[in-house]
Amino acid sequence: MKKVFTTSILILFFIFSWGQNDTTIIHFDGKKVIIIEKSGKELKSQKEKLEQGKKEFETMLDELEKQKLENENELEELQKKMESADDEEVLRQLEESLKKQEETLENLEKQQKALEKGIEDIDNELENTEDDFEKFDWDENEKKSSDENHSEKEFNYDFNPFKGSKSFNGHWAGFETGLNNWVNKDNKFTLDPYQDFELIPEKSWVFTVNFIQFNIPFGKRNGLVTGMGTTWNLYHFRNNVNITENDEGIIVAEPETNYELSKNNLNLWYLNIPLIYEFQIPVKNNSGIHAGFGVVGSLKLKSKYVQKYNGTKQKDKSDFQIPGFKYGLTFRIGYKYVNLFANYDFTPLFKENRGPEIYPVSVGLVIIPFD
């Protein structure tokens, strides 16, 4: 109820002030409300607008006092009924009703204090307001108000989409982990005729740290999310093969016949920049459901091939004909503490005609969100 009441007052002042080239500053409910008015026809002087606003506040205050009186009467009636009630169930229901009425009364009292403070602030503004509005030093007044209320929240209604309306915050920054795999050009996990490149999915991990996030709001519940992150991909091959580049510069998988490989991994490290559209669905008593989809561009920082056998470990830091840049689709969805992601690369793992045409995919969850 309080939010609705506050919003109504802000809308009233916004409509009332629309069409001016100057600025009205009003304090309400412990917050400094700055209304940046748009250009239009000159309607009233600053003093007249403040006087009209004061009348509106006083009217609202009268209505609020009536509501308080009605609420107090209802409380008295409930207390009388409780004194005479002898049924436990009836008494319990009366106690619940009494509690709700007390909460309502408390909210009404807070609103009353806020309105009284608003009227007081308008009176203070009227004492310093001249009909020639340009003579008033609003910058100094705003600085003074900021010093006195350094902990107060400031709302700027300047319709700047990059500032938003105190609301939209996307879901990108955080630590993620999941599993890797890849699909063929038909989006199937069977890699015929490249079976030697098959992975062990449960040993093929992806780790991501998204350390920078920027929000571009379109509204309170939707907008674009971008930023920066870094990803480590570990691909564990199922078969006992050597991934190598032949004399023609093509990546192939050759069977290893001399020893059994205990580790056979291709490790890739990328720097990522996303562009994700996210929308959020409010759910009662929590932050709601959020879902986003978009593209992620990735710059390859390092590629390494690691093998281990009979206690011996060897590394190859070749580029393995893997493109230096890739891009792909990302989809993200979350509710409360469960946040999932799925990624699909549009760029093949290897350069064209330099290896099997396979496309990396990954799925997982956000372990530690940074928002």
Protein backbone atom coordinates (compact mmCIF):
# COMPACT_ATOMS: atom_id res chain seq x y z
CA MET A 1 0.00 0.00 0.00
CA LYS A 2 2.84 2.35 0.85
CA LYS A 3 4.50 1.83 -2.53
CA VAL A 4 1.25 2.54 -4.35
CA PHE A 5 0.71 5.69 -2.27
CA THR A 6 4.25 6.95 -2.89
CA THR A 7 4.05 6.20 -6.60
CA SER A 8 0.77 8.11 -6.87
CA ILE A 9 2.35 11.21 -5.37
CA LEU A 10 5.35 11.01 -7.70
CA ILE A 11 3.11 10.59 -10.75
CA LEU A 12 0.99 13.54 -9.60
CA PHE A 13 4.02 15.80 -9.38
CA PHE A 14 5.39 14.56 -12.67
CA ILE A 15 2.14 15.28 -14.54
CA PHE A 16 1.75 18.59 -12.74
CA SER A 17 5.28 19.70 -13.69
CA TRP A 18 5.38 18.43 -17.28
CA GLY A 19 5.98 21.08 -19.90
CA GLN A 20 8.49 23.21 -17.99
CA ASN A 21 12.20 23.83 -18.63
CA ASP A 22 13.15 23.97 -14.95
CA THR A 23 13.55 21.59 -12.04
CA THR A 24 11.38 20.90 -8.98
CA ILE A 25 12.96 19.35 -5.88
CA ILE A 26 10.62 17.79 -3.30
CA HIS A 27 11.45 15.71 -0.20
CA PHE A 28 9.05 12.88 0.46
CA ASP A 29 9.25 9.90 2.81
CA GLY A 30 12.92 10.53 3.61
CA LYS A 31 13.93 10.67 -0.06
CA LYS A 32 14.96 13.60 -2.23
CA VAL A 33 12.80 13.43 -5.36
CA ILE A 34 14.26 15.32 -8.31
CA ILE A 35 11.80 15.87 -11.18
CA ILE A 36 13.62 16.99 -14.34
CA GLU A 37 10.94 18.64 -16.42
CA LYS A 38 10.83 18.63 -20.19
CA SER A 39 10.55 21.54 -22.57
CA GLY A 40 7.08 22.81 -23.48
CA LYS A 41 4.71 25.71 -22.97
CA GLU A 42 5.29 27.94 -19.95
CA LEU A 43 2.46 27.31 -17.54
CA LYS A 44 3.18 28.57 -14.01
CA SER A 45 5.94 30.11 -11.96
CA GLN A 46 7.90 27.91 -9.59
CA LYS A 47 6.15 29.49 -6.61
CA GLU A 48 2.69 28.74 -7.99
CA LYS A 49 3.60 25.13 -8.68
CA LEU A 50 4.90 24.65 -5.16
CA GLU A 51 1.77 26.21 -3.66
CA GLN A 52 -0.42 23.93 -5.77
CA GLY A 53 1.66 20.93 -4.72
CA LYS A 54 1.27 21.89 -1.08
CA LYS A 55 -2.54 21.96 -1.48
CA GLU A 56 -2.48 18.49 -3.01
CA PHE A 57 -0.34 17.19 -0.13
CA GLU A 58 -2.70 18.76 2.42
CA THR A 59 -5.70 17.13 0.70
CA MET A 60 -3.95 13.76 0.83
CA LEU A 61 -3.12 14.33 4.48
CA ASP A 62 -6.81 14.97 5.28
CA GLU A 63 -7.79 11.72 3.53
CA LEU A 64 -5.09 9.87 5.41
CA GLU A 65 -6.32 11.14 8.78
CA LYS A 66 -9.81 9.88 7.92
CA GLN A 67 -8.38 6.46 7.12
CA LYS A 68 -6.49 6.45 10.42
CA LEU A 69 -9.65 7.28 12.33
CA GLU A 70 -11.56 4.45 10.62
CA ASN A 71 -8.70 2.07 11.34
CA GLU A 72 -8.58 3.05 15.03
CA ASN A 73 -12.34 2.47 15.33
CA GLU A 74 -11.96 -0.99 13.79
CA LEU A 75 -9.18 -1.77 16.27
CA GLU A 76 -11.42 -0.85 19.18
CA GLU A 77 -14.18 -3.09 17.85
CA LEU A 78 -11.80 -6.01 17.45
CA GLN A 79 -10.46 -5.58 20.98
CA LYS A 80 -14.01 -5.62 22.38
CA LYS A 81 -14.84 -8.80 20.44
CA MET A 82 -11.67 -10.48 21.74
CA GLU A 83 -12.60 -9.69 25.33
CA SER A 84 -15.95 -11.44 24.92
CA ALA A 85 -14.80 -14.32 22.70
CA ASP A 86 -14.74 -17.76 24.34
CA ASP A 87 -14.06 -19.95 21.29
CA GLU A 88 -10.35 -20.57 20.59
CA GLU A 89 -10.75 -20.60 16.80
CA VAL A 90 -12.72 -17.34 16.80
CA LEU A 91 -10.16 -15.82 19.15
CA ARG A 92 -7.31 -16.86 16.83
CA GLN A 93 -9.04 -15.28 13.83
CA LEU A 94 -9.63 -12.07 15.78
CA GLU A 95 -5.97 -11.96 16.81
CA GLU A 96 -4.92 -12.27 13.16
CA SER A 97 -7.30 -9.51 12.14
CA LEU A 98 -6.02 -7.34 14.98
CA LYS A 99 -2.43 -7.84 13.88
CA LYS A 100 -3.26 -6.83 10.30
CA GLN A 101 -5.09 -3.74 11.47
CA GLU A 102 -2.14 -2.76 13.66
CA GLU A 103 0.23 -3.14 10.68
CA THR A 104 -2.10 -1.03 8.56
CA LEU A 105 -2.21 1.66 11.23
CA GLU A 106 1.58 1.66 11.45
CA ASN A 107 1.86 2.17 7.69
CA LEU A 108 -0.70 4.97 7.77
CA GLU A 109 1.29 6.71 10.50
CA LYS A 110 4.46 6.45 8.43
CA GLN A 111 2.66 7.90 5.42
CA GLN A 112 1.30 10.71 7.58
CA LYS A 113 4.80 11.62 8.78
CA ALA A 114 6.08 11.52 5.20
CA LEU A 115 3.35 13.86 4.00
CA GLU A 116 3.93 16.23 6.89
CA LYS A 117 7.64 16.25 6.06
CA GLY A 118 6.78 16.92 2.39
CA ILE A 119 4.61 19.90 3.33
CA GLU A 120 7.36 21.20 5.59
CA ASP A 121 9.92 20.93 2.77
CA ILE A 122 7.61 22.71 0.35
CA ASP A 123 7.21 25.53 2.89
CA ASN A 124 11.00 25.78 3.10
CA GLU A 125 11.24 25.94 -0.69
CA LEU A 126 8.55 28.63 -0.82
CA GLU A 127 10.56 30.82 1.54
CA ASN A 128 13.47 30.78 -0.90
CA THR A 129 11.59 30.78 -4.20
CA GLU A 130 11.26 33.92 -6.35
CA ASP A 131 9.02 34.37 -9.34
CA ASP A 132 12.17 34.87 -11.37
CA PHE A 133 13.26 31.25 -10.95
CA GLU A 134 16.58 31.65 -12.72
CA LYS A 135 17.89 33.86 -9.88
CA PHE A 136 17.71 30.98 -7.42
CA ASP A 137 20.94 29.00 -7.03
CA TRP A 138 19.58 25.46 -7.30
CA ASP A 139 23.06 23.90 -7.59
CA GLU A 140 24.03 25.28 -4.19
CA ASN A 141 20.67 24.25 -2.72
CA GLU A 142 21.04 20.73 -4.07
CA LYS A 143 24.61 20.48 -2.72
CA LYS A 144 23.42 21.59 0.73
CA SER A 145 20.56 19.10 0.66
CA SER A 146 22.96 16.35 -0.40
CA ASP A 147 25.29 17.16 2.52
CA GLU A 148 22.39 17.02 4.97
CA ASN A 149 20.97 13.81 3.53
CA HIS A 150 24.08 11.97 2.33
CA SER A 151 22.47 8.59 3.00
CA GLU A 152 19.24 9.35 1.12
CA LYS A 153 18.47 7.71 -2.19
CA GLU A 154 18.18 9.93 -5.26
CA PHE A 155 15.75 9.29 -8.11
CA ASN A 156 16.51 10.97 -11.44
CA TYR A 157 13.54 10.97 -13.80
CA ASP A 158 15.49 12.08 -16.85
CA PHE A 159 14.41 9.21 -19.13
CA ASN A 160 17.99 8.12 -19.72
CA PRO A 161 17.71 4.39 -20.64
CA PHE A 162 21.24 3.68 -19.44
CA LYS A 163 20.41 4.87 -15.91
CA GLY A 164 17.09 3.08 -15.72
CA SER A 165 14.63 3.54 -12.90
CA LYS A 166 16.54 2.09 -9.92
CA SER A 167 15.52 -1.39 -11.03
CA PHE A 168 16.92 -3.70 -13.71
CA ASN A 169 19.90 -5.84 -12.77
CA GLY A 170 20.86 -8.71 -15.06
CA HIS A 171 22.53 -12.04 -14.31
CA TRP A 172 25.98 -12.48 -15.86
CA ALA A 173 28.65 -11.88 -13.22
CA GLY A 174 29.56 -14.97 -11.23
CA PHE A 175 31.44 -18.26 -11.13
CA GLU A 176 30.04 -21.04 -13.32
CA THR A 177 30.86 -24.66 -13.94
CA GLY A 178 29.44 -27.39 -16.13
CA LEU A 179 30.13 -30.12 -18.68
CA ASN A 180 31.49 -29.94 -22.24
CA ASN A 181 30.71 -31.94 -25.33
CA TRP A 182 30.45 -31.35 -29.06
CA VAL A 183 28.03 -32.17 -31.85
CA ASN A 184 28.38 -32.75 -35.57
CA LYS A 185 26.99 -30.50 -38.30
CA ASP A 186 23.58 -32.19 -37.88
CA ASN A 187 23.60 -31.30 -34.16
CA LYS A 188 23.99 -34.92 -33.10
CA PHE A 189 26.37 -36.25 -30.48
CA THR A 190 27.33 -39.20 -32.69
CA LEU A 191 30.47 -38.02 -34.48
CA ASP A 192 30.44 -40.48 -37.39
CA PRO A 193 32.91 -40.62 -39.13
CA TYR A 194 34.96 -38.91 -36.40
CA GLN A 195 34.39 -41.39 -33.58
CA ASP A 196 38.01 -41.07 -32.44
CA PHE A 197 37.22 -37.50 -31.34
CA GLU A 198 34.46 -38.59 -28.96
CA LEU A 199 34.65 -37.24 -25.41
CA ILE A 200 33.91 -38.52 -21.94
CA PRO A 201 31.32 -35.83 -21.02
CA GLU A 202 31.48 -36.42 -17.28
CA LYS A 203 35.23 -35.69 -17.36
CA SER A 204 35.03 -32.75 -19.78
CA TRP A 205 34.58 -29.67 -17.63
CA VAL A 206 34.03 -25.98 -18.23
CA PHE A 207 34.88 -23.29 -15.67
CA THR A 208 33.90 -19.65 -16.15
CA VAL A 209 34.49 -16.49 -14.15
CA ASN A 210 32.38 -13.56 -15.38
CA PHE A 211 34.03 -10.65 -13.60
CA ILE A 212 32.53 -7.53 -15.25
CA GLN A 213 28.85 -6.76 -15.86
CA PHE A 214 27.00 -3.78 -17.34
CA ASN A 215 23.21 -3.41 -17.46
CA ILE A 216 21.33 -1.48 -20.16
CA PRO A 217 17.70 -1.28 -18.90
CA PHE A 218 14.71 -1.18 -21.23
CA GLY A 219 12.38 -1.22 -18.23
CA LYS A 220 12.17 -2.45 -14.68
CA ARG A 221 12.10 -6.11 -15.69
CA ASN A 222 14.02 -6.33 -18.97
CA GLY A 223 17.14 -5.07 -20.67
CA LEU A 224 20.51 -5.94 -22.18
CA VAL A 225 23.42 -7.39 -20.22
CA THR A 226 27.04 -7.22 -21.31
CA GLY A 227 30.42 -7.38 -19.63
CA MET A 228 33.45 -9.63 -19.69
CA GLY A 229 34.47 -13.08 -18.51
CA THR A 230 36.99 -15.83 -19.00
CA THR A 231 36.43 -19.55 -19.65
CA TRP A 232 38.58 -22.66 -19.27
CA ASN A 233 37.42 -25.66 -21.33
CA LEU A 234 38.74 -29.15 -20.66
CA TYR A 235 37.92 -31.81 -23.28
CA HIS A 236 38.74 -35.39 -22.19
CA PHE A 237 38.98 -37.81 -25.12
CA ARG A 238 37.33 -41.21 -24.72
CA ASN A 239 39.65 -43.17 -26.97
CA ASN A 240 43.33 -44.00 -26.61
CA VAL A 241 44.45 -41.67 -29.40
CA ASN A 242 46.95 -38.92 -30.14
CA ILE A 243 45.46 -35.66 -31.40
CA THR A 244 48.02 -34.31 -33.82
CA GLU A 245 48.49 -32.28 -37.00
CA ASN A 246 49.53 -34.33 -40.05
CA ASP A 247 51.83 -33.27 -42.89
CA GLU A 248 48.93 -31.60 -44.70
CA GLY A 249 48.12 -29.39 -41.71
CA ILE A 250 44.95 -31.32 -40.78
CA ILE A 251 44.11 -32.30 -37.21
CA VAL A 252 43.67 -36.07 -36.90
CA ALA A 253 43.28 -38.66 -34.15
CA GLU A 254 45.85 -41.45 -34.45
CA PRO A 255 45.57 -44.59 -32.31
CA GLU A 256 48.18 -44.89 -29.56
CA THR A 257 49.47 -48.49 -29.47
CA ASN A 258 52.51 -48.21 -27.19
CA TYR A 259 50.84 -47.25 -23.90
CA GLU A 260 47.50 -46.63 -22.23
CA LEU A 261 46.75 -42.95 -21.66
CA SER A 262 45.45 -42.09 -18.18
CA LYS A 263 44.96 -38.47 -19.21
CA ASN A 264 44.21 -37.24 -22.71
CA ASN A 265 42.90 -33.67 -22.60
CA LEU A 266 42.61 -30.68 -24.88
CA ASN A 267 42.51 -27.49 -22.78
CA LEU A 268 41.31 -24.14 -24.17
CA TRP A 269 41.26 -20.72 -22.51
CA TYR A 270 39.06 -17.86 -23.80
CA LEU A 271 38.18 -14.25 -23.01
CA ASN A 272 34.42 -13.65 -23.47
CA ILE A 273 32.21 -10.63 -24.17
CA PRO A 274 28.42 -11.27 -24.15
CA LEU A 275 25.38 -9.40 -25.38
CA ILE A 276 22.32 -10.92 -23.71
CA TYR A 277 18.68 -9.87 -23.64
CA GLU A 278 17.18 -10.72 -20.26
CA PHE A 279 13.62 -10.52 -18.98
CA GLN A 280 12.41 -11.15 -15.46
CA ILE A 281 9.08 -12.49 -14.19
CA PRO A 282 8.24 -11.36 -10.65
CA VAL A 283 7.15 -14.02 -8.20
CA LYS A 284 5.54 -13.21 -4.84
CA ASN A 285 7.95 -12.72 -1.92
CA ASN A 286 11.17 -13.27 -3.94
CA SER A 287 13.21 -11.88 -6.80
CA GLY A 288 11.39 -13.97 -9.40
CA ILE A 289 12.33 -15.93 -12.48
CA HIS A 290 14.85 -14.56 -14.96
CA ALA A 291 15.67 -15.79 -18.45
CA GLY A 292 18.09 -14.50 -21.04
CA PHE A 293 19.43 -15.36 -24.47
CA GLY A 294 22.03 -13.79 -26.69
CA VAL A 295 25.46 -14.16 -28.24
CA VAL A 296 28.93 -14.46 -26.75
CA GLY A 297 32.08 -13.58 -28.67
CA SER A 298 35.28 -15.27 -27.46
CA LEU A 299 38.96 -14.59 -28.06
CA LYS A 300 41.26 -17.60 -27.68
CA LEU A 301 44.06 -16.91 -25.21
CA LYS A 302 45.70 -20.33 -25.03
CA SER A 303 45.39 -23.92 -26.27
CA LYS A 304 47.20 -26.87 -24.74
CA TYR A 305 47.16 -30.64 -25.25
CA VAL A 306 48.01 -32.72 -22.16
CA GLN A 307 48.73 -36.46 -22.01
CA LYS A 308 49.71 -38.64 -19.09
CA TYR A 309 50.84 -42.28 -19.11
CA ASN A 310 52.95 -44.46 -16.78
CA GLY A 311 53.60 -41.49 -14.50
CA THR A 312 54.88 -39.41 -17.42
CA LYS A 313 53.19 -36.15 -18.35
CA GLN A 314 53.71 -34.28 -21.61
CA LYS A 315 52.27 -31.03 -22.95
CA ASP A 316 51.91 -29.54 -26.41
CA LYS A 317 51.02 -25.81 -26.67
CA SER A 318 50.28 -25.76 -30.41
CA ASP A 319 47.25 -23.83 -31.75
CA PHE A 320 45.82 -27.13 -33.17
CA GLN A 321 44.17 -25.26 -36.07
CA ILE A 322 41.64 -23.80 -33.60
CA PRO A 323 40.31 -20.35 -34.65
CA GLY A 324 41.49 -17.38 -32.63
CA PHE A 325 37.94 -16.02 -32.41
CA LYS A 326 34.59 -17.74 -32.08
CA TYR A 327 31.00 -16.80 -31.33
CA GLY A 328 27.97 -18.69 -30.18
CA LEU A 329 24.55 -18.68 -28.59
CA THR A 330 23.96 -18.63 -24.84
CA PHE A 331 20.75 -19.28 -22.93
CA ARG A 332 20.38 -18.65 -19.20
CA ILE A 333 17.53 -19.18 -16.76
CA GLY A 334 17.26 -18.99 -13.00
CA TYR A 335 14.98 -18.98 -9.99
CA LYS A 336 16.13 -18.17 -6.46
CA TYR A 337 19.43 -20.02 -5.92
CA VAL A 338 19.22 -22.20 -9.04
CA ASN A 339 20.77 -20.57 -12.13
CA LEU A 340 21.45 -22.62 -15.26
CA PHE A 341 23.21 -21.91 -18.55
CA ALA A 342 23.59 -23.59 -21.94
CA ASN A 343 26.04 -22.57 -24.66
CA TYR A 344 26.25 -23.55 -28.32
CA ASP A 345 29.10 -22.43 -30.58
CA PHE A 346 28.29 -21.38 -34.13
CA THR A 347 32.02 -21.55 -34.94
CA PRO A 348 33.43 -25.08 -35.49
CA LEU A 349 36.17 -26.22 -33.11
CA PHE A 350 38.69 -26.42 -35.95
CA LYS A 351 39.29 -24.14 -38.93
CA GLU A 352 37.52 -25.02 -42.15
CA ASN A 353 38.97 -28.16 -43.79
CA ARG A 354 41.59 -28.38 -41.03
CA GLY A 355 39.85 -30.94 -38.86
CA PRO A 356 36.49 -32.62 -38.23
CA GLU A 357 33.48 -30.28 -38.41
CA ILE A 358 32.36 -30.39 -34.79
CA TYR A 359 30.74 -27.69 -32.67
CA PRO A 360 31.35 -27.24 -28.90
CA VAL A 361 28.37 -27.19 -26.52
CA SER A 362 28.23 -26.87 -22.76
CA VAL A 363 25.65 -26.87 -19.96
CA GLY A 364 25.97 -26.14 -16.28
CA LEU A 365 25.04 -23.92 -13.39
CA VAL A 366 26.11 -20.75 -11.65
CA ILE A 367 27.83 -21.73 -8.41
CA ILE A 368 28.50 -18.24 -7.01
CA PRO A 369 26.60 -15.23 -8.45
CA PHE A 370 28.36 -11.88 -7.93
CA ASP A 371 25.24 -9.67 -7.93
